[in-house]
């Protein structure tokens, strides 16, 4: 990652309060659950978006972004790349500031549409790993 990307991601992490996690699993064994749990521990408000769950991480789950009754800063995407365009459309519709596609998720056309609508876009980056790297820094090695 170059310094401009790091600065943008750090600015996002510093200014974000509410993260809607689309595709967040209710299964504690899944990576999305662990990432969202970590972000919640760091003080972010996590709003699960999963039509098959009523509650995840002690938070009410919503079937889609449009059902969330509060302002969302970041739409975090835990879905396959082909599922990203409708998520971006909804993120634009609800006035989110950022679309953050987790590691392994990229969709250039959807990202361009989000940017044209004024949203910041992060693709193919784990929000937990990025937070640890940019906000906490390396841990000392104790031998």
N, C-alpha and C. Protein backbone atom coordinates (compact mmCIF):
# COMPACT_ATOMS: atom_id res chain seq x y z
N UNK A 1 0.85 -1.20 0.00
CA UNK A 1 0.00 0.00 0.00
C UNK A 1 0.88 1.25 0.00
N UNK A 2 0.45 2.23 -0.75
CA UNK A 2 1.25 3.45 -0.72
C UNK A 2 0.73 4.38 0.38
N UNK A 3 1.48 5.42 0.63
CA UNK A 3 1.15 6.33 1.73
C UNK A 3 -0.19 7.04 1.56
N UNK A 4 -0.56 7.36 0.30
CA UNK A 4 -1.86 8.01 0.06
C UNK A 4 -3.00 7.08 0.47
N UNK A 5 -2.89 5.80 0.10
CA UNK A 5 -3.93 4.84 0.49
C UNK A 5 -3.98 4.70 2.01
N UNK A 6 -2.81 4.61 2.63
CA UNK A 6 -2.76 4.50 4.09
C UNK A 6 -3.40 5.71 4.75
N UNK A 7 -3.10 6.90 4.24
CA UNK A 7 -3.67 8.12 4.82
C UNK A 7 -5.20 8.11 4.68
N UNK A 8 -5.68 7.76 3.49
CA UNK A 8 -7.13 7.70 3.27
C UNK A 8 -7.78 6.70 4.22
N UNK A 9 -7.19 5.50 4.32
CA UNK A 9 -7.78 4.49 5.20
C UNK A 9 -7.72 4.91 6.66
N UNK A 10 -6.63 5.54 7.07
CA UNK A 10 -6.54 6.00 8.46
C UNK A 10 -7.59 7.09 8.72
N UNK A 11 -7.74 8.02 7.77
CA UNK A 11 -8.77 9.07 7.91
C UNK A 11 -10.16 8.44 8.06
N UNK A 12 -10.43 7.40 7.27
CA UNK A 12 -11.72 6.71 7.37
C UNK A 12 -11.88 6.09 8.76
N UNK A 13 -10.86 5.39 9.21
CA UNK A 13 -10.94 4.72 10.52
C UNK A 13 -11.09 5.71 11.66
N UNK A 14 -10.45 6.86 11.56
CA UNK A 14 -10.53 7.88 12.62
C UNK A 14 -11.91 8.53 12.64
N UNK A 15 -12.48 8.80 11.47
CA UNK A 15 -13.75 9.55 11.41
C UNK A 15 -14.99 8.66 11.52
N UNK A 16 -14.83 7.37 11.34
CA UNK A 16 -15.98 6.45 11.35
C UNK A 16 -16.49 6.18 12.75
N UNK A 17 -17.81 6.16 12.87
CA UNK A 17 -18.46 5.78 14.12
C UNK A 17 -19.33 4.54 13.90
N UNK A 18 -20.03 4.49 12.75
CA UNK A 18 -21.00 3.43 12.49
C UNK A 18 -20.63 2.65 11.22
N UNK A 19 -20.58 1.33 11.36
CA UNK A 19 -20.24 0.44 10.25
C UNK A 19 -21.39 -0.54 10.04
N UNK A 20 -21.99 -0.50 8.84
CA UNK A 20 -22.99 -1.51 8.48
C UNK A 20 -22.23 -2.63 7.77
N UNK A 21 -22.31 -3.83 8.31
CA UNK A 21 -21.57 -4.97 7.78
C UNK A 21 -22.49 -5.87 6.97
N UNK A 22 -22.41 -5.75 5.65
CA UNK A 22 -23.27 -6.51 4.74
C UNK A 22 -22.68 -7.89 4.53
N UNK A 23 -23.48 -8.91 4.85
CA UNK A 23 -23.01 -10.28 4.73
C UNK A 23 -22.33 -10.79 5.98
N UNK A 24 -22.50 -10.08 7.09
CA UNK A 24 -21.93 -10.50 8.36
C UNK A 24 -22.58 -11.80 8.80
N UNK A 25 -21.76 -12.79 9.09
CA UNK A 25 -22.25 -14.10 9.51
C UNK A 25 -22.56 -14.12 11.01
N UNK A 26 -23.58 -14.90 11.37
CA UNK A 26 -23.88 -15.10 12.79
C UNK A 26 -23.04 -16.23 13.38
N UNK A 27 -22.23 -16.88 12.55
CA UNK A 27 -21.38 -17.99 12.98
C UNK A 27 -20.05 -17.46 13.50
N UNK A 28 -19.76 -17.63 14.81
CA UNK A 28 -18.51 -17.12 15.39
C UNK A 28 -17.25 -17.71 14.75
N UNK A 29 -17.38 -18.82 14.02
CA UNK A 29 -16.23 -19.43 13.36
C UNK A 29 -15.86 -18.73 12.05
N UNK A 30 -16.77 -17.91 11.54
CA UNK A 30 -16.53 -17.24 10.25
C UNK A 30 -15.68 -15.99 10.44
N UNK A 31 -14.87 -15.71 9.44
CA UNK A 31 -13.97 -14.55 9.48
C UNK A 31 -14.73 -13.23 9.65
N UNK A 32 -15.86 -13.09 8.96
CA UNK A 32 -16.61 -11.83 9.06
C UNK A 32 -17.03 -11.55 10.50
N UNK A 33 -17.41 -12.58 11.23
CA UNK A 33 -17.82 -12.43 12.62
C UNK A 33 -16.65 -11.92 13.47
N UNK A 34 -15.49 -12.55 13.29
CA UNK A 34 -14.31 -12.15 14.06
C UNK A 34 -13.87 -10.72 13.76
N UNK A 35 -13.94 -10.34 12.49
CA UNK A 35 -13.56 -8.98 12.10
C UNK A 35 -14.52 -7.97 12.72
N UNK A 36 -15.82 -8.22 12.61
CA UNK A 36 -16.82 -7.30 13.17
C UNK A 36 -16.71 -7.24 14.69
N UNK A 37 -16.46 -8.39 15.34
CA UNK A 37 -16.31 -8.41 16.80
C UNK A 37 -15.11 -7.55 17.21
N UNK A 38 -14.02 -7.66 16.48
CA UNK A 38 -12.83 -6.85 16.77
C UNK A 38 -13.17 -5.36 16.64
N UNK A 39 -13.83 -4.99 15.56
CA UNK A 39 -14.15 -3.57 15.34
C UNK A 39 -15.10 -3.05 16.41
N UNK A 40 -16.03 -3.89 16.84
CA UNK A 40 -16.93 -3.50 17.94
C UNK A 40 -16.14 -3.26 19.22
N UNK A 41 -15.16 -4.14 19.50
CA UNK A 41 -14.30 -3.98 20.69
C UNK A 41 -13.51 -2.67 20.63
N UNK A 42 -13.23 -2.20 19.41
CA UNK A 42 -12.47 -0.95 19.25
C UNK A 42 -13.36 0.29 19.38
N UNK A 43 -14.66 0.07 19.61
CA UNK A 43 -15.56 1.19 19.85
C UNK A 43 -16.44 1.59 18.69
N UNK A 44 -16.35 0.88 17.57
CA UNK A 44 -17.23 1.19 16.44
C UNK A 44 -18.61 0.60 16.69
N UNK A 45 -19.64 1.27 16.20
CA UNK A 45 -21.00 0.74 16.24
C UNK A 45 -21.15 -0.16 15.03
N UNK A 46 -21.42 -1.43 15.27
CA UNK A 46 -21.58 -2.40 14.19
C UNK A 46 -23.07 -2.67 13.99
N UNK A 47 -23.51 -2.54 12.74
CA UNK A 47 -24.89 -2.85 12.39
C UNK A 47 -24.85 -4.03 11.41
N UNK A 48 -25.27 -5.21 11.86
CA UNK A 48 -25.28 -6.37 10.97
C UNK A 48 -26.34 -6.23 9.87
N UNK A 49 -25.97 -6.62 8.65
CA UNK A 49 -26.92 -6.67 7.55
C UNK A 49 -26.89 -8.10 7.02
N UNK A 50 -27.91 -8.87 7.45
CA UNK A 50 -28.00 -10.28 7.09
C UNK A 50 -29.47 -10.66 7.19
N UNK A 51 -30.12 -10.94 6.05
CA UNK A 51 -31.56 -11.23 6.07
C UNK A 51 -31.93 -12.53 6.78
N UNK A 52 -30.95 -13.37 7.10
CA UNK A 52 -31.26 -14.65 7.74
C UNK A 52 -31.03 -14.63 9.25
N UNK A 53 -30.63 -13.49 9.80
CA UNK A 53 -30.36 -13.40 11.24
C UNK A 53 -31.16 -12.27 11.87
N UNK A 54 -31.61 -12.49 13.10
CA UNK A 54 -32.30 -11.44 13.85
C UNK A 54 -31.32 -10.58 14.62
N UNK A 55 -30.23 -11.21 15.07
CA UNK A 55 -29.26 -10.51 15.91
C UNK A 55 -27.89 -11.15 15.72
N UNK A 56 -26.87 -10.31 15.64
CA UNK A 56 -25.48 -10.78 15.55
C UNK A 56 -24.65 -9.86 16.44
N UNK A 57 -23.78 -10.44 17.23
CA UNK A 57 -22.91 -9.67 18.14
C UNK A 57 -23.73 -8.80 19.10
N UNK A 58 -24.91 -9.28 19.46
CA UNK A 58 -25.77 -8.52 20.37
C UNK A 58 -26.43 -7.31 19.74
N UNK A 59 -26.35 -7.20 18.41
CA UNK A 59 -26.94 -6.07 17.68
C UNK A 59 -28.05 -6.57 16.78
N UNK A 60 -29.12 -5.79 16.66
CA UNK A 60 -30.21 -6.13 15.74
C UNK A 60 -29.67 -6.20 14.33
N UNK A 61 -30.04 -7.26 13.62
CA UNK A 61 -29.63 -7.42 12.23
C UNK A 61 -30.75 -6.94 11.31
N UNK A 62 -30.37 -6.34 10.20
CA UNK A 62 -31.32 -5.81 9.23
C UNK A 62 -31.21 -6.60 7.92
N UNK A 63 -32.32 -6.72 7.18
CA UNK A 63 -32.28 -7.49 5.94
C UNK A 63 -31.51 -6.81 4.82
N UNK A 64 -31.44 -5.47 4.87
CA UNK A 64 -30.73 -4.72 3.84
C UNK A 64 -30.37 -3.34 4.39
N UNK A 65 -29.53 -2.63 3.67
CA UNK A 65 -29.07 -1.31 4.13
C UNK A 65 -30.22 -0.32 4.27
N UNK A 66 -31.20 -0.39 3.36
CA UNK A 66 -32.31 0.57 3.38
C UNK A 66 -33.18 0.44 4.62
N UNK A 67 -33.10 -0.70 5.31
CA UNK A 67 -33.91 -0.91 6.52
C UNK A 67 -33.28 -0.32 7.78
N UNK A 68 -32.03 0.12 7.69
CA UNK A 68 -31.33 0.64 8.87
C UNK A 68 -31.87 2.04 9.18
N UNK A 69 -32.35 2.27 10.42
CA UNK A 69 -32.99 3.55 10.74
C UNK A 69 -32.03 4.64 11.22
N UNK A 70 -30.74 4.45 11.03
CA UNK A 70 -29.78 5.46 11.47
C UNK A 70 -28.72 5.70 10.41
N UNK A 71 -27.93 6.73 10.61
CA UNK A 71 -26.88 7.09 9.67
C UNK A 71 -25.75 6.08 9.72
N UNK A 72 -25.25 5.72 8.55
CA UNK A 72 -24.15 4.78 8.42
C UNK A 72 -22.97 5.50 7.79
N UNK A 73 -21.80 5.38 8.43
CA UNK A 73 -20.59 5.98 7.87
C UNK A 73 -19.96 5.07 6.81
N UNK A 74 -19.74 3.80 7.19
CA UNK A 74 -19.07 2.85 6.31
C UNK A 74 -19.97 1.65 6.05
N UNK A 75 -20.05 1.26 4.78
CA UNK A 75 -20.69 0.01 4.42
C UNK A 75 -19.54 -0.97 4.15
N UNK A 76 -19.41 -1.93 5.05
CA UNK A 76 -18.38 -2.95 4.96
C UNK A 76 -18.99 -4.15 4.23
N UNK A 77 -18.30 -4.65 3.20
CA UNK A 77 -18.88 -5.68 2.35
C UNK A 77 -18.17 -7.02 2.54
N UNK A 78 -18.94 -8.01 3.00
CA UNK A 78 -18.50 -9.40 3.12
C UNK A 78 -19.32 -10.24 2.15
N UNK A 79 -19.29 -9.91 0.90
CA UNK A 79 -20.06 -10.63 -0.13
C UNK A 79 -19.15 -10.90 -1.32
N UNK A 80 -19.56 -11.83 -2.16
CA UNK A 80 -18.79 -12.14 -3.36
C UNK A 80 -18.76 -10.91 -4.27
N UNK A 81 -17.70 -10.76 -5.07
CA UNK A 81 -17.60 -9.59 -5.95
C UNK A 81 -18.84 -9.36 -6.81
N UNK A 82 -19.45 -10.43 -7.32
CA UNK A 82 -20.62 -10.25 -8.18
C UNK A 82 -21.83 -9.72 -7.41
N UNK A 83 -21.80 -9.79 -6.08
CA UNK A 83 -22.90 -9.28 -5.27
C UNK A 83 -22.70 -7.82 -4.84
N UNK A 84 -21.58 -7.23 -5.23
CA UNK A 84 -21.23 -5.88 -4.77
C UNK A 84 -22.08 -4.76 -5.40
N UNK A 85 -22.38 -4.79 -6.71
CA UNK A 85 -23.10 -3.64 -7.30
C UNK A 85 -24.40 -3.25 -6.59
N UNK A 86 -25.31 -4.18 -6.24
CA UNK A 86 -26.51 -3.73 -5.55
C UNK A 86 -26.23 -3.19 -4.14
N UNK A 87 -25.16 -3.67 -3.50
CA UNK A 87 -24.77 -3.14 -2.19
C UNK A 87 -24.31 -1.69 -2.35
N UNK A 88 -23.52 -1.43 -3.38
CA UNK A 88 -23.06 -0.06 -3.65
C UNK A 88 -24.25 0.84 -3.96
N UNK A 89 -25.19 0.36 -4.76
CA UNK A 89 -26.39 1.17 -5.06
C UNK A 89 -27.12 1.56 -3.78
N UNK A 90 -27.26 0.61 -2.86
CA UNK A 90 -27.93 0.90 -1.59
C UNK A 90 -27.10 1.83 -0.72
N UNK A 91 -25.78 1.65 -0.72
CA UNK A 91 -24.90 2.52 0.06
C UNK A 91 -25.05 3.97 -0.40
N UNK A 92 -25.13 4.16 -1.70
CA UNK A 92 -25.33 5.51 -2.26
C UNK A 92 -26.69 6.04 -1.81
N UNK A 93 -27.71 5.20 -1.92
CA UNK A 93 -29.08 5.60 -1.60
C UNK A 93 -29.22 6.04 -0.14
N UNK A 94 -28.54 5.35 0.79
CA UNK A 94 -28.68 5.69 2.22
C UNK A 94 -27.73 6.79 2.67
N UNK A 95 -26.86 7.25 1.76
CA UNK A 95 -25.97 8.36 2.10
C UNK A 95 -24.73 7.96 2.88
N UNK A 96 -24.28 6.71 2.72
CA UNK A 96 -23.04 6.29 3.38
C UNK A 96 -21.88 7.11 2.81
N UNK A 97 -20.80 7.19 3.58
CA UNK A 97 -19.63 7.96 3.16
C UNK A 97 -18.57 7.08 2.50
N UNK A 98 -18.57 5.79 2.87
CA UNK A 98 -17.51 4.88 2.43
C UNK A 98 -18.10 3.50 2.12
N UNK A 99 -17.56 2.88 1.07
CA UNK A 99 -17.78 1.45 0.82
C UNK A 99 -16.43 0.79 1.01
N UNK A 100 -16.37 -0.18 1.92
CA UNK A 100 -15.12 -0.89 2.23
C UNK A 100 -15.32 -2.36 1.90
N UNK A 101 -14.67 -2.82 0.82
CA UNK A 101 -14.75 -4.22 0.41
C UNK A 101 -13.61 -4.97 1.08
N UNK A 102 -13.96 -6.03 1.78
CA UNK A 102 -12.98 -6.80 2.53
C UNK A 102 -11.94 -7.46 1.61
N UNK A 103 -10.93 -8.00 2.23
CA UNK A 103 -9.86 -8.67 1.51
C UNK A 103 -10.42 -9.71 0.54
N UNK A 104 -9.92 -9.68 -0.68
CA UNK A 104 -10.37 -10.61 -1.70
C UNK A 104 -11.57 -10.13 -2.49
N UNK A 105 -12.11 -8.97 -2.16
CA UNK A 105 -13.31 -8.46 -2.83
C UNK A 105 -12.95 -7.18 -3.59
N UNK A 106 -13.16 -7.24 -4.90
CA UNK A 106 -12.93 -6.10 -5.78
C UNK A 106 -14.05 -6.05 -6.81
N UNK A 107 -14.51 -4.85 -7.12
CA UNK A 107 -15.46 -4.67 -8.22
C UNK A 107 -15.26 -3.25 -8.73
N UNK A 108 -14.48 -3.15 -9.81
CA UNK A 108 -14.08 -1.84 -10.32
C UNK A 108 -15.26 -0.97 -10.75
N UNK A 109 -16.23 -1.56 -11.46
CA UNK A 109 -17.36 -0.76 -11.95
C UNK A 109 -18.19 -0.20 -10.79
N UNK A 110 -18.46 -1.05 -9.80
CA UNK A 110 -19.22 -0.60 -8.63
C UNK A 110 -18.44 0.46 -7.86
N UNK A 111 -17.13 0.26 -7.76
CA UNK A 111 -16.28 1.24 -7.07
C UNK A 111 -16.33 2.59 -7.77
N UNK A 112 -16.27 2.56 -9.10
CA UNK A 112 -16.33 3.81 -9.86
C UNK A 112 -17.66 4.52 -9.66
N UNK A 113 -18.74 3.75 -9.65
CA UNK A 113 -20.07 4.32 -9.43
C UNK A 113 -20.14 4.98 -8.05
N UNK A 114 -19.58 4.31 -7.04
CA UNK A 114 -19.57 4.86 -5.68
C UNK A 114 -18.76 6.16 -5.64
N UNK A 115 -17.58 6.15 -6.27
CA UNK A 115 -16.74 7.36 -6.29
C UNK A 115 -17.46 8.52 -6.98
N UNK A 116 -18.12 8.22 -8.09
CA UNK A 116 -18.86 9.26 -8.83
C UNK A 116 -19.98 9.84 -7.98
N UNK A 117 -20.50 9.07 -7.04
CA UNK A 117 -21.57 9.53 -6.14
C UNK A 117 -20.99 10.21 -4.90
N UNK A 118 -19.65 10.31 -4.83
CA UNK A 118 -19.02 11.03 -3.72
C UNK A 118 -18.56 10.16 -2.56
N UNK A 119 -18.66 8.84 -2.71
CA UNK A 119 -18.22 7.96 -1.63
C UNK A 119 -16.73 7.63 -1.80
N UNK A 120 -16.07 7.40 -0.68
CA UNK A 120 -14.72 6.86 -0.73
C UNK A 120 -14.85 5.35 -0.86
N UNK A 121 -13.87 4.73 -1.49
CA UNK A 121 -13.91 3.29 -1.72
C UNK A 121 -12.59 2.66 -1.32
N UNK A 122 -12.67 1.59 -0.56
CA UNK A 122 -11.52 0.75 -0.25
C UNK A 122 -11.87 -0.64 -0.76
N UNK A 123 -10.95 -1.24 -1.53
CA UNK A 123 -11.18 -2.60 -2.04
C UNK A 123 -10.05 -3.51 -1.59
N UNK A 124 -10.39 -4.77 -1.42
CA UNK A 124 -9.41 -5.82 -1.17
C UNK A 124 -8.53 -5.52 0.04
N UNK A 125 -9.15 -5.09 1.13
CA UNK A 125 -8.39 -4.78 2.36
C UNK A 125 -9.21 -5.18 3.58
N UNK A 126 -8.60 -5.92 4.47
CA UNK A 126 -9.27 -6.31 5.70
C UNK A 126 -9.32 -5.11 6.65
N UNK A 127 -10.50 -4.76 7.10
CA UNK A 127 -10.66 -3.61 7.98
C UNK A 127 -9.98 -3.84 9.33
N UNK A 128 -10.02 -5.06 9.84
CA UNK A 128 -9.37 -5.38 11.11
C UNK A 128 -7.85 -5.25 10.97
N UNK A 129 -7.29 -5.88 9.95
CA UNK A 129 -5.84 -5.82 9.75
C UNK A 129 -5.38 -4.39 9.51
N UNK A 130 -6.17 -3.64 8.75
CA UNK A 130 -5.83 -2.24 8.47
C UNK A 130 -5.88 -1.43 9.76
N UNK A 131 -6.90 -1.65 10.59
CA UNK A 131 -7.01 -0.95 11.87
C UNK A 131 -5.81 -1.26 12.74
N UNK A 132 -5.47 -2.53 12.85
CA UNK A 132 -4.32 -2.92 13.68
C UNK A 132 -3.04 -2.25 13.19
N UNK A 133 -2.85 -2.24 11.88
CA UNK A 133 -1.62 -1.71 11.31
C UNK A 133 -1.53 -0.19 11.43
N UNK A 134 -2.63 0.51 11.14
CA UNK A 134 -2.58 1.98 11.09
C UNK A 134 -2.95 2.66 12.40
N UNK A 135 -3.76 2.01 13.24
CA UNK A 135 -4.24 2.66 14.45
C UNK A 135 -3.53 2.17 15.70
N UNK A 136 -3.04 0.95 15.67
CA UNK A 136 -2.40 0.38 16.86
C UNK A 136 -0.90 0.26 16.67
N UNK A 137 -0.48 -0.13 15.47
CA UNK A 137 0.94 -0.25 15.17
C UNK A 137 1.48 -1.61 15.58
N UNK A 138 2.73 -1.84 15.24
CA UNK A 138 3.32 -3.16 15.53
C UNK A 138 3.47 -3.40 17.02
N UNK A 139 3.26 -4.65 17.38
CA UNK A 139 3.45 -5.05 18.78
C UNK A 139 4.92 -5.42 18.97
N UNK A 140 5.51 -5.07 20.10
CA UNK A 140 6.89 -5.46 20.34
C UNK A 140 7.01 -6.98 20.47
N UNK A 141 8.11 -7.48 19.98
CA UNK A 141 8.36 -8.92 20.09
C UNK A 141 9.11 -9.17 21.40
N UNK A 142 8.54 -10.02 22.22
CA UNK A 142 9.16 -10.34 23.49
C UNK A 142 9.70 -11.76 23.39
N UNK A 143 11.01 -11.91 23.63
CA UNK A 143 11.63 -13.24 23.54
C UNK A 143 11.88 -13.81 24.92
